[in-house]
Amino acid sequence: MGEYLCREHFIEYFERRVYETIRHFQLIEEGDRVAVAVSGGKDSLTTLYLLTKFSKELKSEVFGVAVDEGIAGYREYKLQALSKLANDLGVKIFIGRFKDYFDMTLDEAVERLRGKGMKIKPCSVCGVFRRFIMNKMARELGATKLATGHNLDDEVQVFVMNALKAHIEGVEREGINSRTTGEGLVPRIKPLYLITEKEVLTYTLLKGIHTPFVECPYIVYALRHPIRHWINHVEDETPSFKYKVLALKELTRKLLPKPLEGAQRCLVCGEPSSRPVCKACLFRAYLDKDFEQRLIQKISLYEASTRLKSDF
């Protein structure tokens, strides 16, 4: 930190840090088939670009999985940027759509949330639905790892949000690689975990990795929005603040017990879940009355079956 680098040396420094992070934490091993979760934003495009660049040396295979939430005036532009980079790299991209998996776009889901008083925020629904699709697609496409573009700023913001909400499970879960394992869950890795957002932005500008500067219209509902601005303000006043918060996060995670191995299957959709019914199905039932009825029927059958078994 505190050094001034020319274009050539900054690119070299940036790529070396990401590569050494992958090696040190053993994020990718020989023979891995890595699915990169790509949104078309600068972080995910950088992750796709670097993992493709490193794939020969790491002896791994790389492809992309993208999610189209159905956010008009936003997602289509990000997917265009993704398509261009993927074509330049010769990497395959597979796209999953909210409409196909949940019978509604995020725009449609938000209208239903508004009708219910916006008690659940759009980002909560979007995050759960996106994780559902990415894990399912990655698994069905034979991925052994699912790489996301989360950078140091993202991790600090999420840690602060989890701390404010006393969400210990969230603090424990969000590391450089996933600690929760189980049948059907593709291990997640974060190659940009130690890289700041400003560094990623600088790298994309120097390398000509283009992404349109359009912002999701629903960010105004997110707790992350004010937290992000506050953290950036403190960082401006106290350089290296973000690194110290990340260090605190890692020390905290070391003190927390590791999660129990394995995951059960959702009674409704059959996907991995920490609860009898996964959050994606619960949100979908909240937004879709027909699906809610199917969920109730499945739970009733399960409870009847459980009682029957206990009688013998």
C-alpha atoms as a PDB file:
ATOM      1  CA  MET A   1       0.000   0.000   0.000  1.00  0.00           C
ATOM      2  CA  GLY A   2       1.130   3.599  -0.580  1.00  0.00           C
ATOM      3  CA  GLU A   3       3.110   2.762  -3.709  1.00  0.00           C
ATOM      4  CA  TYR A   4       2.708   4.419  -7.101  1.00  0.00           C
ATOM      5  CA  LEU A   5       2.821   1.987  -9.998  1.00  0.00           C
ATOM      6  CA  CYS A   6       2.857   2.477 -13.739  1.00  0.00           C
ATOM      7  CA  ARG A   7       0.293   0.694 -15.903  1.00  0.00           C
ATOM      8  CA  GLU A   8       2.504  -2.324 -16.597  1.00  0.00           C
ATOM      9  CA  HIS A   9       3.555  -2.848 -12.991  1.00  0.00           C
ATOM     10  CA  PHE A  10       0.064  -2.338 -11.587  1.00  0.00           C
ATOM     11  CA  ILE A  11      -1.330  -5.028 -13.898  1.00  0.00           C
ATOM     12  CA  GLU A  12       1.517  -7.349 -12.918  1.00  0.00           C
ATOM     13  CA  TYR A  13       0.964  -6.606  -9.214  1.00  0.00           C
ATOM     14  CA  PHE A  14      -2.800  -7.133  -9.454  1.00  0.00           C
ATOM     15  CA  GLU A  15      -2.627 -10.425 -11.344  1.00  0.00           C
ATOM     16  CA  ARG A  16       0.104 -11.764  -9.080  1.00  0.00           C
ATOM     17  CA  ARG A  17      -1.945 -11.009  -5.956  1.00  0.00           C
ATOM     18  CA  VAL A  18      -5.001 -12.820  -7.302  1.00  0.00           C
ATOM     19  CA  TYR A  19      -2.933 -15.782  -8.473  1.00  0.00           C
ATOM     20  CA  GLU A  20      -1.109 -16.044  -5.135  1.00  0.00           C
ATOM     21  CA  THR A  21      -4.432 -15.843  -3.288  1.00  0.00           C
ATOM     22  CA  ILE A  22      -5.726 -18.784  -5.312  1.00  0.00           C
ATOM     23  CA  ARG A  23      -2.551 -20.772  -4.650  1.00  0.00           C
ATOM     24  CA  HIS A  24      -2.183 -19.916  -0.960  1.00  0.00           C
ATOM     25  CA  PHE A  25      -5.770 -20.757  -0.039  1.00  0.00           C
ATOM     26  CA  GLN A  26      -5.936 -23.685  -2.505  1.00  0.00           C
ATOM     27  CA  LEU A  27      -9.077 -22.255  -4.067  1.00  0.00           C
ATOM     28  CA  ILE A  28      -8.537 -24.120  -7.339  1.00  0.00           C
ATOM     29  CA  GLU A  29      -6.838 -27.502  -7.674  1.00  0.00           C
ATOM     30  CA  GLU A  30      -5.699 -29.494 -10.664  1.00  0.00           C
ATOM     31  CA  GLY A  31      -8.654 -30.932 -12.583  1.00  0.00           C
ATOM     32  CA  ASP A  32     -11.232 -28.528 -11.156  1.00  0.00           C
ATOM     33  CA  ARG A  33     -14.109 -27.491 -13.405  1.00  0.00           C
ATOM     34  CA  VAL A  34     -14.796 -23.935 -12.279  1.00  0.00           C
ATOM     35  CA  ALA A  35     -18.097 -22.175 -12.852  1.00  0.00           C
ATOM     36  CA  VAL A  36     -17.681 -18.403 -12.572  1.00  0.00           C
ATOM     37  CA  ALA A  37     -20.800 -16.572 -11.421  1.00  0.00           C
ATOM     38  CA  VAL A  38     -20.878 -13.647 -13.842  1.00  0.00           C
ATOM     39  CA  SER A  39     -23.258 -10.711 -13.697  1.00  0.00           C
ATOM     40  CA  GLY A  40     -21.594  -8.483 -16.270  1.00  0.00           C
ATOM     41  CA  GLY A  41     -20.231  -6.167 -13.577  1.00  0.00           C
ATOM     42  CA  LYS A  42     -16.552  -5.265 -13.239  1.00  0.00           C
ATOM     43  CA  ASP A  43     -15.799  -7.755 -10.438  1.00  0.00           C
ATOM     44  CA  SER A  44     -17.308 -10.840 -12.051  1.00  0.00           C
ATOM     45  CA  LEU A  45     -15.886  -9.971 -15.483  1.00  0.00           C
ATOM     46  CA  THR A  46     -12.430  -9.591 -13.925  1.00  0.00           C
ATOM     47  CA  THR A  47     -12.822 -12.942 -12.184  1.00  0.00           C
ATOM     48  CA  LEU A  48     -13.851 -14.624 -15.438  1.00  0.00           C
ATOM     49  CA  TYR A  49     -10.957 -13.001 -17.304  1.00  0.00           C
ATOM     50  CA  LEU A  50      -8.297 -13.966 -14.730  1.00  0.00           C
ATOM     51  CA  LEU A  51      -9.477 -17.528 -14.107  1.00  0.00           C
ATOM     52  CA  THR A  52      -9.489 -18.060 -17.872  1.00  0.00           C
ATOM     53  CA  LYS A  53      -5.987 -16.551 -18.090  1.00  0.00           C
ATOM     54  CA  PHE A  54      -4.732 -18.774 -15.247  1.00  0.00           C
ATOM     55  CA  SER A  55      -6.600 -21.931 -16.307  1.00  0.00           C
ATOM     56  CA  LYS A  56      -3.715 -23.522 -18.204  1.00  0.00           C
ATOM     57  CA  GLU A  57      -1.258 -23.004 -15.356  1.00  0.00           C
ATOM     58  CA  LEU A  58      -3.796 -24.113 -12.749  1.00  0.00           C
ATOM     59  CA  LYS A  59      -4.801 -27.060 -14.962  1.00  0.00           C
ATOM     60  CA  SER A  60      -8.473 -26.249 -14.592  1.00  0.00           C
ATOM     61  CA  GLU A  61     -11.477 -25.700 -16.847  1.00  0.00           C
ATOM     62  CA  VAL A  62     -13.537 -22.490 -16.736  1.00  0.00           C
ATOM     63  CA  PHE A  63     -17.035 -21.522 -17.859  1.00  0.00           C
ATOM     64  CA  GLY A  64     -19.563 -18.898 -16.772  1.00  0.00           C
ATOM     65  CA  VAL A  65     -23.005 -19.062 -15.208  1.00  0.00           C
ATOM     66  CA  ALA A  66     -25.134 -15.915 -15.338  1.00  0.00           C
ATOM     67  CA  VAL A  67     -28.542 -15.098 -13.879  1.00  0.00           C
ATOM     68  CA  ASP A  68     -31.091 -12.916 -15.639  1.00  0.00           C
ATOM     69  CA  GLU A  69     -33.364 -11.639 -12.879  1.00  0.00           C
ATOM     70  CA  GLY A  70     -35.547  -9.696 -15.273  1.00  0.00           C
ATOM     71  CA  ILE A  71     -34.657  -6.141 -14.258  1.00  0.00           C
ATOM     72  CA  ALA A  72     -35.641  -3.942 -17.186  1.00  0.00           C
ATOM     73  CA  GLY A  73     -33.169  -1.231 -18.150  1.00  0.00           C
ATOM     74  CA  TYR A  74     -30.356  -2.872 -16.220  1.00  0.00           C
ATOM     75  CA  ARG A  75     -29.677  -6.559 -16.655  1.00  0.00           C
ATOM     76  CA  GLU A  76     -29.797  -6.584 -20.478  1.00  0.00           C
ATOM     77  CA  TYR A  77     -26.895  -4.090 -20.630  1.00  0.00           C
ATOM     78  CA  LYS A  78     -24.765  -6.087 -18.193  1.00  0.00           C
ATOM     79  CA  LEU A  79     -25.396  -9.300 -20.132  1.00  0.00           C
ATOM     80  CA  GLN A  80     -24.293  -7.595 -23.349  1.00  0.00           C
ATOM     81  CA  ALA A  81     -20.940  -6.730 -21.746  1.00  0.00           C
ATOM     82  CA  LEU A  82     -20.629 -10.306 -20.509  1.00  0.00           C
ATOM     83  CA  SER A  83     -21.397 -11.727 -23.948  1.00  0.00           C
ATOM     84  CA  LYS A  84     -18.690  -9.582 -25.542  1.00  0.00           C
ATOM     85  CA  LEU A  85     -15.980 -10.585 -23.069  1.00  0.00           C
ATOM     86  CA  ALA A  86     -16.974 -14.261 -23.237  1.00  0.00           C
ATOM     87  CA  ASN A  87     -16.715 -14.181 -27.027  1.00  0.00           C
ATOM     88  CA  ASP A  88     -13.287 -12.523 -26.814  1.00  0.00           C
ATOM     89  CA  LEU A  89     -12.095 -15.171 -24.341  1.00  0.00           C
ATOM     90  CA  GLY A  90     -13.763 -18.106 -26.071  1.00  0.00           C
ATOM     91  CA  VAL A  91     -15.553 -19.061 -22.848  1.00  0.00           C
ATOM     92  CA  LYS A  92     -19.023 -20.613 -22.705  1.00  0.00           C
ATOM     93  CA  ILE A  93     -21.712 -18.805 -20.720  1.00  0.00           C
ATOM     94  CA  PHE A  94     -24.890 -20.450 -19.448  1.00  0.00           C
ATOM     95  CA  ILE A  95     -27.815 -18.238 -18.409  1.00  0.00           C
ATOM     96  CA  GLY A  96     -30.567 -19.057 -15.913  1.00  0.00           C
ATOM     97  CA  ARG A  97     -33.644 -16.824 -15.702  1.00  0.00           C
ATOM     98  CA  PHE A  98     -35.881 -16.058 -12.739  1.00  0.00           C
ATOM     99  CA  LYS A  99     -38.875 -16.409 -15.059  1.00  0.00           C
ATOM    100  CA  ASP A 100     -37.949 -19.994 -15.938  1.00  0.00           C
ATOM    101  CA  TYR A 101     -37.178 -21.096 -12.364  1.00  0.00           C
ATOM    102  CA  PHE A 102     -39.730 -19.119 -10.338  1.00  0.00           C
ATOM    103  CA  ASP A 103     -42.422 -18.085 -12.862  1.00  0.00           C
ATOM    104  CA  MET A 104     -41.727 -14.404 -12.203  1.00  0.00           C
ATOM    105  CA  THR A 105     -39.115 -11.770 -12.991  1.00  0.00           C
ATOM    106  CA  LEU A 106     -37.652  -9.672 -10.198  1.00  0.00           C
ATOM    107  CA  ASP A 107     -39.617  -6.687 -11.535  1.00  0.00           C
ATOM    108  CA  GLU A 108     -42.809  -8.712 -11.126  1.00  0.00           C
ATOM    109  CA  ALA A 109     -41.715  -9.907  -7.672  1.00  0.00           C
ATOM    110  CA  VAL A 110     -41.104  -6.321  -6.555  1.00  0.00           C
ATOM    111  CA  GLU A 111     -44.626  -5.315  -7.608  1.00  0.00           C
ATOM    112  CA  ARG A 112     -45.988  -8.127  -5.434  1.00  0.00           C
ATOM    113  CA  LEU A 113     -43.734  -7.053  -2.548  1.00  0.00           C
ATOM    114  CA  ARG A 114     -45.072  -3.502  -2.832  1.00  0.00           C
ATOM    115  CA  GLY A 115     -48.588  -4.880  -2.667  1.00  0.00           C
ATOM    116  CA  LYS A 116     -47.648  -6.582   0.609  1.00  0.00           C
ATOM    117  CA  GLY A 117     -46.168  -3.455   2.151  1.00  0.00           C
ATOM    118  CA  MET A 118     -42.522  -4.150   1.206  1.00  0.00           C
ATOM    119  CA  LYS A 119     -41.925  -6.122   4.412  1.00  0.00           C
ATOM    120  CA  ILE A 120     -39.309  -8.146   2.522  1.00  0.00           C
ATOM    121  CA  LYS A 121     -36.764  -6.134   0.543  1.00  0.00           C
ATOM    122  CA  PRO A 122     -36.106  -6.819  -3.171  1.00  0.00           C
ATOM    123  CA  CYS A 123     -32.415  -7.533  -2.498  1.00  0.00           C
ATOM    124  CA  SER A 124     -33.343 -10.300  -0.036  1.00  0.00           C
ATOM    125  CA  VAL A 125     -35.499 -12.084  -2.612  1.00  0.00           C
ATOM    126  CA  CYS A 126     -32.993 -11.468  -5.399  1.00  0.00           C
ATOM    127  CA  GLY A 127     -30.038 -12.774  -3.387  1.00  0.00           C
ATOM    128  CA  VAL A 128     -31.799 -15.981  -2.362  1.00  0.00           C
ATOM    129  CA  PHE A 129     -33.146 -16.667  -5.866  1.00  0.00           C
ATOM    130  CA  ARG A 130     -29.755 -15.931  -7.469  1.00  0.00           C
ATOM    131  CA  ARG A 131     -27.865 -18.278  -5.119  1.00  0.00           C
ATOM    132  CA  PHE A 132     -30.456 -20.997  -5.760  1.00  0.00           C
ATOM    133  CA  ILE A 133     -30.042 -20.761  -9.542  1.00  0.00           C
ATOM    134  CA  MET A 134     -26.247 -20.435  -9.530  1.00  0.00           C
ATOM    135  CA  ASN A 135     -25.719 -23.480  -7.317  1.00  0.00           C
ATOM    136  CA  LYS A 136     -28.227 -25.584  -9.255  1.00  0.00           C
ATOM    137  CA  MET A 137     -26.782 -24.617 -12.646  1.00  0.00           C
ATOM    138  CA  ALA A 138     -23.173 -25.073 -11.546  1.00  0.00           C
ATOM    139  CA  ARG A 139     -23.924 -28.520 -10.120  1.00  0.00           C
ATOM    140  CA  GLU A 140     -25.895 -29.690 -13.148  1.00  0.00           C
ATOM    141  CA  LEU A 141     -23.083 -28.485 -15.449  1.00  0.00           C
ATOM    142  CA  GLY A 142     -20.552 -30.549 -13.533  1.00  0.00           C
ATOM    143  CA  ALA A 143     -18.715 -27.747 -11.725  1.00  0.00           C
ATOM    144  CA  THR A 144     -16.450 -28.673  -8.810  1.00  0.00           C
ATOM    145  CA  LYS A 145     -16.100 -25.025  -7.699  1.00  0.00           C
ATOM    146  CA  LEU A 146     -18.302 -21.934  -8.020  1.00  0.00           C
ATOM    147  CA  ALA A 147     -16.239 -18.735  -8.163  1.00  0.00           C
ATOM    148  CA  THR A 148     -17.826 -15.376  -7.361  1.00  0.00           C
ATOM    149  CA  GLY A 149     -16.470 -11.876  -7.894  1.00  0.00           C
ATOM    150  CA  HIS A 150     -16.802 -10.670  -4.289  1.00  0.00           C
ATOM    151  CA  ASN A 151     -14.002  -8.232  -3.484  1.00  0.00           C
ATOM    152  CA  LEU A 152     -12.641  -6.924  -0.174  1.00  0.00           C
ATOM    153  CA  ASP A 153     -15.170  -4.067  -0.055  1.00  0.00           C
ATOM    154  CA  ASP A 154     -18.067  -6.506  -0.528  1.00  0.00           C
ATOM    155  CA  GLU A 155     -16.817  -8.689   2.301  1.00  0.00           C
ATOM    156  CA  VAL A 156     -16.377  -5.774   4.698  1.00  0.00           C
ATOM    157  CA  GLN A 157     -19.861  -4.440   3.906  1.00  0.00           C
ATOM    158  CA  VAL A 158     -21.497  -7.831   4.468  1.00  0.00           C
ATOM    159  CA  PHE A 159     -19.593  -8.363   7.718  1.00  0.00           C
ATOM    160  CA  VAL A 160     -20.774  -5.002   9.079  1.00  0.00           C
ATOM    161  CA  MET A 161     -24.364  -5.746   8.010  1.00  0.00           C
ATOM    162  CA  ASN A 162     -24.263  -9.179   9.647  1.00  0.00           C
ATOM    163  CA  ALA A 163     -22.803  -7.654  12.822  1.00  0.00           C
ATOM    164  CA  LEU A 164     -25.528  -4.998  12.954  1.00  0.00           C
ATOM    165  CA  LYS A 165     -28.198  -7.679  12.570  1.00  0.00           C
ATOM    166  CA  ALA A 166     -26.420 -10.054  15.014  1.00  0.00           C
ATOM    167  CA  HIS A 167     -26.458 -12.623  12.209  1.00  0.00           C
ATOM    168  CA  ILE A 168     -23.740 -14.952  13.510  1.00  0.00           C
ATOM    169  CA  GLU A 169     -24.498 -17.640  10.940  1.00  0.00           C
ATOM    170  CA  GLY A 170     -23.837 -15.104   8.176  1.00  0.00           C
ATOM    171  CA  VAL A 171     -20.493 -14.082   9.692  1.00  0.00           C
ATOM    172  CA  GLU A 172     -19.446 -17.714   9.975  1.00  0.00           C
ATOM    173  CA  ARG A 173     -20.534 -18.586   6.429  1.00  0.00           C
ATOM    174  CA  GLU A 174     -18.987 -15.711   4.428  1.00  0.00           C
ATOM    175  CA  GLY A 175     -15.293 -16.528   4.015  1.00  0.00           C
ATOM    176  CA  ILE A 176     -12.851 -16.826   1.138  1.00  0.00           C
ATOM    177  CA  ASN A 177     -14.234 -20.299   0.533  1.00  0.00           C
ATOM    178  CA  SER A 178     -17.370 -22.008   1.774  1.00  0.00           C
ATOM    179  CA  ARG A 179     -17.214 -23.954   5.016  1.00  0.00           C
ATOM    180  CA  THR A 180     -20.688 -25.426   4.675  1.00  0.00           C
ATOM    181  CA  THR A 181     -20.631 -28.676   2.739  1.00  0.00           C
ATOM    182  CA  GLY A 182     -23.227 -31.195   1.721  1.00  0.00           C
ATOM    183  CA  GLU A 183     -24.624 -33.197  -1.144  1.00  0.00           C
ATOM    184  CA  GLY A 184     -25.769 -30.886  -3.910  1.00  0.00           C
ATOM    185  CA  LEU A 185     -23.787 -27.843  -2.743  1.00  0.00           C
ATOM    186  CA  VAL A 186     -20.988 -26.678  -5.044  1.00  0.00           C
ATOM    187  CA  PRO A 187     -18.080 -25.259  -2.974  1.00  0.00           C
ATOM    188  CA  ARG A 188     -17.806 -21.481  -3.411  1.00  0.00           C
ATOM    189  CA  ILE A 189     -14.540 -19.573  -3.779  1.00  0.00           C
ATOM    190  CA  LYS A 190     -13.725 -15.845  -3.905  1.00  0.00           C
ATOM    191  CA  PRO A 191     -10.463 -15.112  -5.776  1.00  0.00           C
ATOM    192  CA  LEU A 192     -10.822 -11.306  -5.303  1.00  0.00           C
ATOM    193  CA  TYR A 193     -11.318 -11.605  -1.521  1.00  0.00           C
ATOM    194  CA  LEU A 194      -8.193  -9.555  -0.697  1.00  0.00           C
ATOM    195  CA  ILE A 195      -8.559  -7.032  -3.543  1.00  0.00           C
ATOM    196  CA  THR A 196     -10.260  -3.657  -3.032  1.00  0.00           C
ATOM    197  CA  GLU A 197     -13.011  -2.340  -5.276  1.00  0.00           C
ATOM    198  CA  LYS A 198     -10.806   0.563  -6.412  1.00  0.00           C
ATOM    199  CA  GLU A 199      -8.085  -1.870  -7.470  1.00  0.00           C
ATOM    200  CA  VAL A 200     -10.576  -3.927  -9.485  1.00  0.00           C
ATOM    201  CA  LEU A 201     -11.924  -0.794 -11.165  1.00  0.00           C
ATOM    202  CA  THR A 202      -8.397   0.365 -12.023  1.00  0.00           C
ATOM    203  CA  TYR A 203      -7.554  -3.036 -13.480  1.00  0.00           C
ATOM    204  CA  THR A 204     -10.653  -3.123 -15.694  1.00  0.00           C
ATOM    205  CA  LEU A 205      -9.904   0.365 -17.025  1.00  0.00           C
ATOM    206  CA  LEU A 206      -6.277  -0.504 -17.789  1.00  0.00           C
ATOM    207  CA  LYS A 207      -7.201  -3.835 -19.426  1.00  0.00           C
ATOM    208  CA  GLY A 208     -10.159  -2.472 -21.380  1.00  0.00           C
ATOM    209  CA  ILE A 209     -12.664  -4.788 -19.669  1.00  0.00           C
ATOM    210  CA  HIS A 210     -15.859  -2.863 -20.347  1.00  0.00           C
ATOM    211  CA  THR A 211     -19.001  -2.879 -18.247  1.00  0.00           C
ATOM    212  CA  PRO A 212     -21.818  -0.321 -18.555  1.00  0.00           C
ATOM    213  CA  PHE A 213     -22.109   1.938 -15.519  1.00  0.00           C
ATOM    214  CA  VAL A 214     -25.761   1.284 -14.848  1.00  0.00           C
ATOM    215  CA  GLU A 215     -26.990   0.674 -11.312  1.00  0.00           C
ATOM    216  CA  CYS A 216     -29.697  -1.697 -10.164  1.00  0.00           C
ATOM    217  CA  PRO A 217     -32.860   0.395  -9.494  1.00  0.00           C
ATOM    218  CA  TYR A 218     -33.562  -1.574  -6.311  1.00  0.00           C
ATOM    219  CA  ILE A 219     -30.304  -0.729  -4.535  1.00  0.00           C
ATOM    220  CA  VAL A 220     -32.091   2.111  -2.718  1.00  0.00           C
ATOM    221  CA  TYR A 221     -33.974  -0.505  -0.670  1.00  0.00           C
ATOM    222  CA  ALA A 222     -30.797  -2.281   0.457  1.00  0.00           C
ATOM    223  CA  LEU A 223     -29.105  -1.857   3.844  1.00  0.00           C
ATOM    224  CA  ARG A 224     -25.823  -2.256   1.970  1.00  0.00           C
ATOM    225  CA  HIS A 225     -26.352   1.120   0.256  1.00  0.00           C
ATOM    226  CA  PRO A 226     -25.835   3.388   3.317  1.00  0.00           C
ATOM    227  CA  ILE A 227     -23.313   0.971   4.868  1.00  0.00           C
ATOM    228  CA  ARG A 228     -21.171   1.154   1.752  1.00  0.00           C
ATOM    229  CA  HIS A 229     -21.108   4.957   1.800  1.00  0.00           C
ATOM    230  CA  TRP A 230     -20.279   5.033   5.525  1.00  0.00           C
ATOM    231  CA  ILE A 231     -17.392   2.561   5.150  1.00  0.00           C
ATOM    232  CA  ASN A 232     -15.964   4.500   2.205  1.00  0.00           C
ATOM    233  CA  HIS A 233     -16.184   7.722   4.216  1.00  0.00           C
ATOM    234  CA  VAL A 234     -14.325   6.171   7.159  1.00  0.00           C
ATOM    235  CA  GLU A 235     -11.707   4.719   4.792  1.00  0.00           C
ATOM    236  CA  ASP A 236     -11.086   8.190   3.357  1.00  0.00           C
ATOM    237  CA  GLU A 237     -10.529   9.522   6.879  1.00  0.00           C
ATOM    238  CA  THR A 238      -8.628   6.444   8.122  1.00  0.00           C
ATOM    239  CA  PRO A 239      -6.679   4.641   5.371  1.00  0.00           C
ATOM    240  CA  SER A 240      -6.485   0.831   5.749  1.00  0.00           C
ATOM    241  CA  PHE A 241      -9.744   0.798   7.765  1.00  0.00           C
ATOM    242  CA  LYS A 242     -11.218  -1.810   5.401  1.00  0.00           C
ATOM    243  CA  TYR A 243      -8.250  -4.142   5.848  1.00  0.00           C
ATOM    244  CA  LYS A 244      -8.608  -3.895   9.623  1.00  0.00           C
ATOM    245  CA  VAL A 245     -12.316  -4.744   9.455  1.00  0.00           C
ATOM    246  CA  LEU A 246     -11.569  -7.738   7.213  1.00  0.00           C
ATOM    247  CA  ALA A 247      -8.905  -8.878   9.709  1.00  0.00           C
ATOM    248  CA  LEU A 248     -11.472  -8.568  12.522  1.00  0.00           C
ATOM    249  CA  LYS A 249     -13.903 -10.623  10.483  1.00  0.00           C
ATOM    250  CA  GLU A 250     -11.370 -13.423   9.983  1.00  0.00           C
ATOM    251  CA  LEU A 251     -10.433 -13.445  13.689  1.00  0.00           C
ATOM    252  CA  THR A 252     -14.137 -13.626  14.568  1.00  0.00           C
ATOM    253  CA  ARG A 253     -14.726 -16.521  12.192  1.00  0.00           C
ATOM    254  CA  LYS A 254     -11.867 -18.472  13.786  1.00  0.00           C
ATOM    255  CA  LEU A 255     -13.625 -18.254  17.151  1.00  0.00           C
ATOM    256  CA  LEU A 256     -16.937 -19.506  15.755  1.00  0.00           C
ATOM    257  CA  PRO A 257     -17.686 -23.238  15.613  1.00  0.00           C
ATOM    258  CA  LYS A 258     -17.534 -24.856  12.202  1.00  0.00           C
ATOM    259  CA  PRO A 259     -20.939 -25.730  10.706  1.00  0.00           C
ATOM    260  CA  LEU A 260     -22.226 -29.269  10.866  1.00  0.00           C
ATOM    261  CA  GLU A 261     -21.280 -31.317   7.829  1.00  0.00           C
ATOM    262  CA  GLY A 262     -23.955 -31.955   5.266  1.00  0.00           C
ATOM    263  CA  ALA A 263     -27.249 -30.362   4.341  1.00  0.00           C
ATOM    264  CA  GLN A 264     -30.760 -31.719   4.165  1.00  0.00           C
ATOM    265  CA  ARG A 265     -32.976 -31.495   1.100  1.00  0.00           C
ATOM    266  CA  CYS A 266     -35.852 -29.048   0.775  1.00  0.00           C
ATOM    267  CA  LEU A 267     -39.190 -30.838   1.059  1.00  0.00           C
ATOM    268  CA  VAL A 268     -40.585 -28.831  -1.830  1.00  0.00           C
ATOM    269  CA  CYS A 269     -37.881 -28.434  -4.493  1.00  0.00           C
ATOM    270  CA  GLY A 270     -35.333 -31.050  -3.377  1.00  0.00           C
ATOM    271  CA  GLU A 271     -32.421 -28.597  -3.372  1.00  0.00           C
ATOM    272  CA  PRO A 272     -29.903 -28.453  -0.495  1.00  0.00           C
ATOM    273  CA  SER A 273     -31.219 -26.535   2.507  1.00  0.00           C
ATOM    274  CA  SER A 274     -30.317 -25.920   6.150  1.00  0.00           C
ATOM    275  CA  ARG A 275     -34.037 -26.128   6.969  1.00  0.00           C
ATOM    276  CA  PRO A 276     -36.881 -28.483   5.976  1.00  0.00           C
ATOM    277  CA  VAL A 277     -38.060 -25.884   3.421  1.00  0.00           C
ATOM    278  CA  CYS A 278     -35.429 -23.745   1.663  1.00  0.00           C
ATOM    279  CA  LYS A 279     -35.631 -19.962   1.680  1.00  0.00           C
ATOM    280  CA  ALA A 280     -36.180 -19.813  -2.089  1.00  0.00           C
ATOM    281  CA  CYS A 281     -39.374 -21.864  -1.750  1.00  0.00           C
ATOM    282  CA  LEU A 282     -40.516 -19.812   1.257  1.00  0.00           C
ATOM    283  CA  PHE A 283     -40.056 -16.554  -0.666  1.00  0.00           C
ATOM    284  CA  ARG A 284     -41.756 -17.999  -3.717  1.00  0.00           C
ATOM    285  CA  ALA A 285     -44.713 -19.128  -1.585  1.00  0.00           C
ATOM    286  CA  TYR A 286     -44.924 -15.613  -0.109  1.00  0.00           C
ATOM    287  CA  LEU A 287     -45.122 -14.142  -3.609  1.00  0.00           C
ATOM    288  CA  ASP A 288     -47.215 -16.813  -5.370  1.00  0.00           C
ATOM    289  CA  LYS A 289     -50.467 -18.121  -3.864  1.00  0.00           C
ATOM    290  CA  ASP A 290     -50.640 -21.179  -6.134  1.00  0.00           C
ATOM    291  CA  PHE A 291     -47.129 -22.176  -5.111  1.00  0.00           C
ATOM    292  CA  GLU A 292     -48.028 -21.514  -1.469  1.00  0.00           C
ATOM    293  CA  GLN A 293     -50.809 -24.102  -1.718  1.00  0.00           C
ATOM    294  CA  ARG A 294     -48.439 -26.682  -3.215  1.00  0.00           C
ATOM    295  CA  LEU A 295     -45.953 -25.977  -0.413  1.00  0.00           C
ATOM    296  CA  ILE A 296     -48.639 -26.470   2.246  1.00  0.00           C
ATOM    297  CA  GLN A 297     -49.718 -29.762   0.668  1.00  0.00           C
ATOM    298  CA  LYS A 298     -46.137 -31.092   0.588  1.00  0.00           C
ATOM    299  CA  ILE A 299     -45.533 -30.116   4.213  1.00  0.00           C
ATOM    300  CA  SER A 300     -48.832 -31.745   5.244  1.00  0.00           C
ATOM    301  CA  LEU A 301     -47.884 -34.963   3.455  1.00  0.00           C
ATOM    302  CA  TYR A 302     -44.456 -34.907   5.085  1.00  0.00           C
ATOM    303  CA  GLU A 303     -45.919 -34.413   8.554  1.00  0.00           C
ATOM    304  CA  ALA A 304     -48.461 -37.199   7.992  1.00  0.00           C
ATOM    305  CA  SER A 305     -45.702 -39.520   6.751  1.00  0.00           C
ATOM    306  CA  THR A 306     -43.534 -38.685   9.778  1.00  0.00           C
ATOM    307  CA  ARG A 307     -46.386 -39.421  12.192  1.00  0.00           C
ATOM    308  CA  LEU A 308     -47.119 -42.684  10.390  1.00  0.00           C
ATOM    309  CA  LYS A 309     -43.505 -43.823  10.674  1.00  0.00           C
ATOM    310  CA  SER A 310     -43.408 -42.971  14.371  1.00  0.00           C
ATOM    311  CA  ASP A 311     -46.386 -45.293  14.971  1.00  0.00           C
ATOM    312  CA  PHE A 312     -44.417 -48.359  13.845  1.00  0.00           C
END
